[in-house]
């Protein structure tokens, strides 16, 4: 027994582009996820030769498309 607990193991689950599209976790089609992963634009895994995404990859992709308010921008002196 590894003592990882359900929370630790859930971070190891690999999701297919189709699963991500069906769950609507990201605003991209399965095709776009696959294309951008193949082009190395999106972080992903290639376990077993298939493109899959770990939960951390999904969070990274979401963060890549955040837009911060102008008031948070640093002003140069």
Protein backbone atom coordinates (compact mmCIF):
# COMPACT_ATOMS: atom_id res chain seq x y z
CA UNK A 1 0.00 0.00 0.00
CA UNK A 2 1.46 3.35 -1.01
CA UNK A 3 -0.45 5.54 1.44
CA UNK A 4 -1.18 7.96 -1.39
CA UNK A 5 -4.89 8.23 -0.68
CA UNK A 6 -7.59 8.92 -3.25
CA UNK A 7 -6.56 12.55 -3.63
CA UNK A 8 -2.97 11.72 -4.53
CA UNK A 9 -3.98 9.06 -7.04
CA UNK A 10 -6.55 11.30 -8.72
CA UNK A 11 -3.68 13.46 -9.95
CA UNK A 12 -2.37 10.46 -11.90
CA UNK A 13 -5.52 9.91 -13.96
CA UNK A 14 -5.01 10.50 -17.68
CA UNK A 15 -7.91 12.07 -19.61
CA UNK A 16 -8.38 11.82 -23.36
CA UNK A 17 -9.20 14.91 -25.43
CA UNK A 18 -12.70 13.47 -25.90
CA UNK A 19 -13.23 13.17 -22.14
CA UNK A 20 -12.12 16.77 -21.62
CA UNK A 21 -14.44 18.00 -24.36
CA UNK A 22 -17.40 15.98 -23.00
CA UNK A 23 -16.83 17.32 -19.47
CA UNK A 24 -16.47 20.88 -20.85
CA UNK A 25 -13.42 21.49 -18.65
CA UNK A 26 -11.79 23.58 -21.37
CA UNK A 27 -13.34 25.59 -24.22
CA UNK A 28 -11.65 23.50 -26.92
CA UNK A 29 -12.78 20.62 -29.10
CA UNK A 30 -11.04 17.26 -28.83
CA UNK A 31 -9.51 17.92 -32.25
CA UNK A 32 -8.06 21.28 -31.15
CA UNK A 33 -6.66 19.75 -27.95
CA UNK A 34 -5.02 16.99 -29.95
CA UNK A 35 -3.65 19.39 -32.60
CA UNK A 36 -2.22 21.84 -30.06
CA UNK A 37 -0.69 19.01 -28.04
CA UNK A 38 0.91 17.56 -31.18
CA UNK A 39 2.32 20.99 -32.00
CA UNK A 40 3.65 21.18 -28.40
CA UNK A 41 1.57 24.28 -27.67
CA UNK A 42 -0.33 22.54 -24.85
CA UNK A 43 1.31 20.46 -22.10
CA UNK A 44 0.29 16.80 -22.30
CA UNK A 45 1.39 13.21 -21.84
CA UNK A 46 2.10 10.57 -24.45
CA UNK A 47 1.77 7.51 -22.25
CA UNK A 48 1.37 4.49 -24.47
CA UNK A 49 1.75 6.64 -27.58
CA UNK A 50 -1.62 8.38 -27.08
CA UNK A 51 -2.12 12.04 -26.27
CA UNK A 52 -3.64 12.35 -22.81
CA UNK A 53 -3.87 15.09 -20.20
CA UNK A 54 -3.27 14.95 -16.47
CA UNK A 55 -5.28 17.27 -14.18
CA UNK A 56 -2.22 19.54 -13.86
CA UNK A 57 -2.06 19.84 -17.66
CA UNK A 58 -5.73 20.87 -17.76
CA UNK A 59 -5.08 23.53 -15.09
CA UNK A 60 -1.98 24.78 -16.99
CA UNK A 61 -3.92 25.09 -20.25
CA UNK A 62 -6.70 27.02 -18.48
CA UNK A 63 -4.12 29.34 -16.90
CA UNK A 64 -2.49 29.98 -20.30
CA UNK A 65 -5.68 31.69 -21.43
CA UNK A 66 -6.34 33.88 -18.39
CA UNK A 67 -6.55 37.59 -18.96
CA UNK A 68 -5.70 39.77 -15.99
CA UNK A 69 -7.38 43.14 -15.40
CA UNK A 70 -5.44 46.17 -16.63
CA UNK A 71 -5.29 47.47 -13.05
CA UNK A 72 -3.06 44.49 -12.14
CA UNK A 73 -0.44 45.28 -14.75
CA UNK A 74 2.88 46.59 -13.53
CA UNK A 75 3.55 50.16 -14.57
CA UNK A 76 7.05 51.00 -15.75
CA UNK A 77 8.74 53.97 -14.14
